[in-house]
């Protein structure tokens, strides 16, 4: 499966803001929405997709909707 290449500028910018946070919601949004999906795809490409964890009986995830 071919993967999309990401220009080096975006990861460098994200790393720079990680070391020197700016507190700008637009910067966080750009990192999460722009870099996040690419990074998840790269992780899956290199390491494979992990199987979901089994739910413990009677346990409700705080992220699930009822």
PDB file of N, CA and C in Angstrom:
ATOM      1  N   UNK A   1       0.851  -1.181   0.000  1.00  0.00           N
ATOM      2  CA  UNK A   1       0.000   0.000   0.000  1.00  0.00           C
ATOM      3  C   UNK A   1       0.893   1.239   0.000  1.00  0.00           C
ATOM      4  N   UNK A   2       0.771   2.103  -0.999  1.00  0.00           N
ATOM      5  CA  UNK A   2       1.583   3.324  -1.018  1.00  0.00           C
ATOM      6  C   UNK A   2       1.114   4.286   0.067  1.00  0.00           C
ATOM      7  N   UNK A   3       2.025   5.036   0.581  1.00  0.00           N
ATOM      8  CA  UNK A   3       1.661   6.001   1.610  1.00  0.00           C
ATOM      9  C   UNK A   3       1.966   7.401   1.106  1.00  0.00           C
ATOM     10  N   UNK A   4       1.179   8.341   1.608  1.00  0.00           N
ATOM     11  CA  UNK A   4       1.359   9.734   1.217  1.00  0.00           C
ATOM     12  C   UNK A   4       2.556  10.315   1.945  1.00  0.00           C
ATOM     13  N   UNK A   5       3.360  11.038   1.220  1.00  0.00           N
ATOM     14  CA  UNK A   5       4.509  11.696   1.844  1.00  0.00           C
ATOM     15  C   UNK A   5       4.055  13.009   2.454  1.00  0.00           C
ATOM     16  N   UNK A   6       4.595  13.321   3.582  1.00  0.00           N
ATOM     17  CA  UNK A   6       4.265  14.559   4.282  1.00  0.00           C
ATOM     18  C   UNK A   6       5.464  15.471   4.170  1.00  0.00           C
ATOM     19  N   UNK A   7       5.262  16.709   3.746  1.00  0.00           N
ATOM     20  CA  UNK A   7       6.396  17.630   3.716  1.00  0.00           C
ATOM     21  C   UNK A   7       7.022  17.736   5.106  1.00  0.00           C
ATOM     22  N   UNK A   8       8.314  17.830   5.162  1.00  0.00           N
ATOM     23  CA  UNK A   8       9.017  17.873   6.450  1.00  0.00           C
ATOM     24  C   UNK A   8       8.683  19.115   7.257  1.00  0.00           C
ATOM     25  N   UNK A   9       8.182  20.139   6.610  1.00  0.00           N
ATOM     26  CA  UNK A   9       7.888  21.392   7.309  1.00  0.00           C
ATOM     27  C   UNK A   9       6.862  21.200   8.426  1.00  0.00           C
ATOM     28  N   UNK A  10       5.791  20.444   8.181  1.00  0.00           N
ATOM     29  CA  UNK A  10       4.733  20.304   9.174  1.00  0.00           C
ATOM     30  C   UNK A  10       5.203  19.573  10.432  1.00  0.00           C
ATOM     31  N   UNK A  11       5.901  18.428  10.334  1.00  0.00           N
ATOM     32  CA  UNK A  11       6.403  17.809  11.573  1.00  0.00           C
ATOM     33  C   UNK A  11       7.418  18.688  12.299  1.00  0.00           C
ATOM     34  N   UNK A  12       8.240  19.394  11.556  1.00  0.00           N
ATOM     35  CA  UNK A  12       9.212  20.300  12.205  1.00  0.00           C
ATOM     36  C   UNK A  12       8.503  21.416  12.955  1.00  0.00           C
ATOM     37  N   UNK A  13       7.461  21.964  12.343  1.00  0.00           N
ATOM     38  CA  UNK A  13       6.686  23.026  12.999  1.00  0.00           C
ATOM     39  C   UNK A  13       6.032  22.488  14.268  1.00  0.00           C
ATOM     40  N   UNK A  14       5.454  21.285  14.188  1.00  0.00           N
ATOM     41  CA  UNK A  14       4.817  20.680  15.362  1.00  0.00           C
ATOM     42  C   UNK A  14       5.844  20.449  16.470  1.00  0.00           C
ATOM     43  N   UNK A  15       7.021  19.967  16.110  1.00  0.00           N
ATOM     44  CA  UNK A  15       8.069  19.737  17.103  1.00  0.00           C
ATOM     45  C   UNK A  15       8.519  21.045  17.739  1.00  0.00           C
ATOM     46  N   UNK A  16       8.663  22.072  16.933  1.00  0.00           N
ATOM     47  CA  UNK A  16       9.079  23.378  17.465  1.00  0.00           C
ATOM     48  C   UNK A  16       8.054  23.911  18.458  1.00  0.00           C
ATOM     49  N   UNK A  17       6.767  23.764  18.128  1.00  0.00           N
ATOM     50  CA  UNK A  17       5.723  24.234  19.045  1.00  0.00           C
ATOM     51  C   UNK A  17       5.631  23.351  20.283  1.00  0.00           C
ATOM     52  N   UNK A  18       6.063  22.092  20.174  1.00  0.00           N
ATOM     53  CA  UNK A  18       6.099  21.228  21.346  1.00  0.00           C
ATOM     54  C   UNK A  18       7.156  21.680  22.347  1.00  0.00           C
ATOM     55  N   UNK A  19       8.260  22.176  21.833  1.00  0.00           N
ATOM     56  CA  UNK A  19       9.319  22.674  22.712  1.00  0.00           C
ATOM     57  C   UNK A  19       9.056  24.082  23.206  1.00  0.00           C
ATOM     58  N   UNK A  20       8.354  24.862  22.402  1.00  0.00           N
ATOM     59  CA  UNK A  20       8.054  26.251  22.762  1.00  0.00           C
ATOM     60  C   UNK A  20       6.588  26.534  22.453  1.00  0.00           C
ATOM     61  N   UNK A  21       5.657  26.070  23.330  1.00  0.00           N
ATOM     62  CA  UNK A  21       4.230  26.213  23.054  1.00  0.00           C
ATOM     63  C   UNK A  21       3.810  27.667  22.860  1.00  0.00           C
ATOM     64  N   UNK A  22       2.870  27.867  21.933  1.00  0.00           N
ATOM     65  CA  UNK A  22       2.409  29.224  21.649  1.00  0.00           C
ATOM     66  C   UNK A  22       1.019  29.496  22.203  1.00  0.00           C
ATOM     67  N   UNK A  23       0.250  28.471  22.550  1.00  0.00           N
ATOM     68  CA  UNK A  23      -1.079  28.669  23.106  1.00  0.00           C
ATOM     69  C   UNK A  23      -2.105  29.125  22.088  1.00  0.00           C
ATOM     70  N   UNK A  24      -1.826  28.939  20.829  1.00  0.00           N
ATOM     71  CA  UNK A  24      -2.743  29.349  19.760  1.00  0.00           C
ATOM     72  C   UNK A  24      -3.587  28.147  19.346  1.00  0.00           C
ATOM     73  N   UNK A  25      -4.923  28.232  19.507  1.00  0.00           N
ATOM     74  CA  UNK A  25      -5.777  27.097  19.130  1.00  0.00           C
ATOM     75  C   UNK A  25      -5.631  26.697  17.661  1.00  0.00           C
ATOM     76  N   UNK A  26      -5.323  27.626  16.794  1.00  0.00           N
ATOM     77  CA  UNK A  26      -5.158  27.301  15.376  1.00  0.00           C
ATOM     78  C   UNK A  26      -3.943  26.406  15.152  1.00  0.00           C
ATOM     79  N   UNK A  27      -2.893  26.610  15.925  1.00  0.00           N
ATOM     80  CA  UNK A  27      -1.696  25.774  15.805  1.00  0.00           C
ATOM     81  C   UNK A  27      -2.008  24.351  16.265  1.00  0.00           C
ATOM     82  N   UNK A  28      -2.701  24.219  17.391  1.00  0.00           N
ATOM     83  CA  UNK A  28      -3.084  22.906  17.883  1.00  0.00           C
ATOM     84  C   UNK A  28      -3.994  22.207  16.875  1.00  0.00           C
ATOM     85  N   UNK A  29      -4.956  22.921  16.342  1.00  0.00           N
ATOM     86  CA  UNK A  29      -5.879  22.363  15.355  1.00  0.00           C
ATOM     87  C   UNK A  29      -5.127  21.881  14.122  1.00  0.00           C
ATOM     88  N   UNK A  30      -4.164  22.664  13.657  1.00  0.00           N
ATOM     89  CA  UNK A  30      -3.384  22.276  12.482  1.00  0.00           C
ATOM     90  C   UNK A  30      -2.580  21.007  12.758  1.00  0.00           C
ATOM     91  N   UNK A  31      -2.022  20.898  13.950  1.00  0.00           N
ATOM     92  CA  UNK A  31      -1.253  19.700  14.288  1.00  0.00           C
ATOM     93  C   UNK A  31      -2.158  18.481  14.411  1.00  0.00           C
ATOM     94  N   UNK A  32      -3.279  18.621  15.081  1.00  0.00           N
ATOM     95  CA  UNK A  32      -4.173  17.485  15.311  1.00  0.00           C
ATOM     96  C   UNK A  32      -4.855  17.043  14.023  1.00  0.00           C
ATOM     97  N   UNK A  33      -5.401  17.995  13.286  1.00  0.00           N
ATOM     98  CA  UNK A  33      -6.166  17.642  12.086  1.00  0.00           C
ATOM     99  C   UNK A  33      -5.285  17.444  10.861  1.00  0.00           C
ATOM    100  N   UNK A  34      -4.151  18.093  10.804  1.00  0.00           N
ATOM    101  CA  UNK A  34      -3.286  17.968   9.649  1.00  0.00           C
ATOM    102  C   UNK A  34      -2.269  16.857   9.795  1.00  0.00           C
ATOM    103  N   UNK A  35      -1.604  16.821  10.925  1.00  0.00           N
ATOM    104  CA  UNK A  35      -0.528  15.869  11.139  1.00  0.00           C
ATOM    105  C   UNK A  35      -1.027  14.558  11.749  1.00  0.00           C
ATOM    106  N   UNK A  36      -2.056  14.624  12.564  1.00  0.00           N
ATOM    107  CA  UNK A  36      -2.568  13.443  13.263  1.00  0.00           C
ATOM    108  C   UNK A  36      -2.943  12.282  12.350  1.00  0.00           C
ATOM    109  N   UNK A  37      -3.797  12.494  11.344  1.00  0.00           N
ATOM    110  CA  UNK A  37      -4.170  11.383  10.463  1.00  0.00           C
ATOM    111  C   UNK A  37      -2.973  10.795   9.705  1.00  0.00           C
ATOM    112  N   UNK A  38      -2.063  11.633   9.284  1.00  0.00           N
ATOM    113  CA  UNK A  38      -0.870  11.140   8.596  1.00  0.00           C
ATOM    114  C   UNK A  38      -0.028  10.292   9.539  1.00  0.00           C
ATOM    115  N   UNK A  39       0.155  10.778  10.772  1.00  0.00           N
ATOM    116  CA  UNK A  39       0.961  10.059  11.746  1.00  0.00           C
ATOM    117  C   UNK A  39       0.325   8.714  12.089  1.00  0.00           C
ATOM    118  N   UNK A  40      -0.987   8.673  12.243  1.00  0.00           N
ATOM    119  CA  UNK A  40      -1.688   7.414  12.515  1.00  0.00           C
ATOM    120  C   UNK A  40      -1.509   6.437  11.355  1.00  0.00           C
ATOM    121  N   UNK A  41      -1.588   6.935  10.142  1.00  0.00           N
ATOM    122  CA  UNK A  41      -1.388   6.087   8.968  1.00  0.00           C
ATOM    123  C   UNK A  41       0.029   5.543   8.891  1.00  0.00           C
ATOM    124  N   UNK A  42       1.001   6.381   9.202  1.00  0.00           N
ATOM    125  CA  UNK A  42       2.399   5.937   9.202  1.00  0.00           C
ATOM    126  C   UNK A  42       2.629   4.867  10.271  1.00  0.00           C
ATOM    127  N   UNK A  43       2.053   5.068  11.437  1.00  0.00           N
ATOM    128  CA  UNK A  43       2.189   4.079  12.509  1.00  0.00           C
ATOM    129  C   UNK A  43       1.602   2.747  12.058  1.00  0.00           C
ATOM    130  N   UNK A  44       0.399   2.792  11.481  1.00  0.00           N
ATOM    131  CA  UNK A  44      -0.255   1.564  11.017  1.00  0.00           C
ATOM    132  C   UNK A  44       0.556   0.911   9.901  1.00  0.00           C
ATOM    133  N   UNK A  45       1.134   1.705   9.024  1.00  0.00           N
ATOM    134  CA  UNK A  45       1.928   1.166   7.925  1.00  0.00           C
ATOM    135  C   UNK A  45       3.166   0.441   8.449  1.00  0.00           C
ATOM    136  N   UNK A  46       3.814   1.025   9.436  1.00  0.00           N
ATOM    137  CA  UNK A  46       5.056   0.460   9.956  1.00  0.00           C
ATOM    138  C   UNK A  46       4.796  -0.683  10.942  1.00  0.00           C
ATOM    139  N   UNK A  47       3.844  -0.492  11.855  1.00  0.00           N
ATOM    140  CA  UNK A  47       3.637  -1.446  12.943  1.00  0.00           C
ATOM    141  C   UNK A  47       2.426  -2.350  12.752  1.00  0.00           C
ATOM    142  N   UNK A  48       1.563  -2.015  11.814  1.00  0.00           N
ATOM    143  CA  UNK A  48       0.330  -2.777  11.621  1.00  0.00           C
ATOM    144  C   UNK A  48      -0.789  -2.228  12.487  1.00  0.00           C
ATOM    145  N   UNK A  49      -1.989  -2.604  12.129  1.00  0.00           N
ATOM    146  CA  UNK A  49      -3.170  -2.155  12.879  1.00  0.00           C
ATOM    147  C   UNK A  49      -3.364  -3.090  14.061  1.00  0.00           C
ATOM    148  N   UNK A  50      -3.514  -2.527  15.220  1.00  0.00           N
ATOM    149  CA  UNK A  50      -3.677  -3.319  16.429  1.00  0.00           C
ATOM    150  C   UNK A  50      -5.125  -3.789  16.561  1.00  0.00           C
ATOM    151  N   UNK A  51      -5.303  -4.953  17.134  1.00  0.00           N
ATOM    152  CA  UNK A  51      -6.644  -5.463  17.407  1.00  0.00           C
ATOM    153  C   UNK A  51      -7.242  -4.669  18.557  1.00  0.00           C
ATOM    154  N   UNK A  52      -8.557  -4.441  18.525  1.00  0.00           N
ATOM    155  CA  UNK A  52      -9.170  -3.716  19.646  1.00  0.00           C
ATOM    156  C   UNK A  52      -9.049  -4.523  20.937  1.00  0.00           C
ATOM    157  N   UNK A  53      -8.922  -3.829  22.023  1.00  0.00           N
ATOM    158  CA  UNK A  53      -8.831  -4.497  23.320  1.00  0.00           C
ATOM    159  C   UNK A  53     -10.205  -5.041  23.691  1.00  0.00           C
ATOM    160  N   UNK A  54     -10.229  -6.221  24.280  1.00  0.00           N
ATOM    161  CA  UNK A  54     -11.532  -6.767  24.695  1.00  0.00           C
ATOM    162  C   UNK A  54     -12.087  -5.970  25.865  1.00  0.00           C
ATOM    163  N   UNK A  55     -13.385  -5.791  25.863  1.00  0.00           N
ATOM    164  CA  UNK A  55     -14.041  -5.066  26.950  1.00  0.00           C
ATOM    165  C   UNK A  55     -14.219  -6.020  28.134  1.00  0.00           C
ATOM    166  N   UNK A  56     -13.897  -5.554  29.317  1.00  0.00           N
ATOM    167  CA  UNK A  56     -14.155  -6.338  30.517  1.00  0.00           C
ATOM    168  C   UNK A  56     -15.665  -6.370  30.740  1.00  0.00           C
ATOM    169  N   UNK A  57     -16.181  -7.500  31.146  1.00  0.00           N
ATOM    170  CA  UNK A  57     -17.619  -7.625  31.329  1.00  0.00           C
ATOM    171  C   UNK A  57     -18.090  -6.686  32.436  1.00  0.00           C
ATOM    172  N   UNK A  58     -19.131  -5.935  32.135  1.00  0.00           N
ATOM    173  CA  UNK A  58     -19.686  -5.000  33.104  1.00  0.00           C
ATOM    174  C   UNK A  58     -19.002  -3.653  33.131  1.00  0.00           C
ATOM    175  N   UNK A  59     -17.922  -3.494  32.348  1.00  0.00           N
ATOM    176  CA  UNK A  59     -17.195  -2.225  32.336  1.00  0.00           C
ATOM    177  C   UNK A  59     -17.680  -1.383  31.175  1.00  0.00           C
ATOM    178  N   UNK A  60     -17.936  -0.117  31.418  1.00  0.00           N
ATOM    179  CA  UNK A  60     -18.398   0.796  30.379  1.00  0.00           C
ATOM    180  C   UNK A  60     -17.299   1.830  30.160  1.00  0.00           C
ATOM    181  N   UNK A  61     -16.878   1.951  28.923  1.00  0.00           N
ATOM    182  CA  UNK A  61     -15.851   2.924  28.587  1.00  0.00           C
ATOM    183  C   UNK A  61     -16.377   4.335  28.815  1.00  0.00           C
ATOM    184  N   UNK A  62     -15.557   5.226  29.375  1.00  0.00           N
ATOM    185  CA  UNK A  62     -15.995   6.617  29.544  1.00  0.00           C
ATOM    186  C   UNK A  62     -16.183   7.313  28.196  1.00  0.00           C
ATOM    187  N   UNK A  63     -15.640   6.747  27.133  1.00  0.00           N
ATOM    188  CA  UNK A  63     -15.757   7.359  25.812  1.00  0.00           C
ATOM    189  C   UNK A  63     -16.980   6.866  25.049  1.00  0.00           C
ATOM    190  N   UNK A  64     -17.619   5.803  25.527  1.00  0.00           N
ATOM    191  CA  UNK A  64     -18.759   5.271  24.792  1.00  0.00           C
ATOM    192  C   UNK A  64     -20.028   6.041  25.150  1.00  0.00           C
ATOM    193  N   UNK A  65     -20.930   6.094  24.189  1.00  0.00           N
ATOM    194  CA  UNK A  65     -22.210   6.755  24.455  1.00  0.00           C
ATOM    195  C   UNK A  65     -23.216   5.687  24.846  1.00  0.00           C
ATOM    196  N   UNK A  66     -24.089   6.028  25.743  1.00  0.00           N
ATOM    197  CA  UNK A  66     -25.070   5.059  26.229  1.00  0.00           C
ATOM    198  C   UNK A  66     -26.352   5.193  25.494  1.00  0.00           C
TER     199      UNK A  66
END
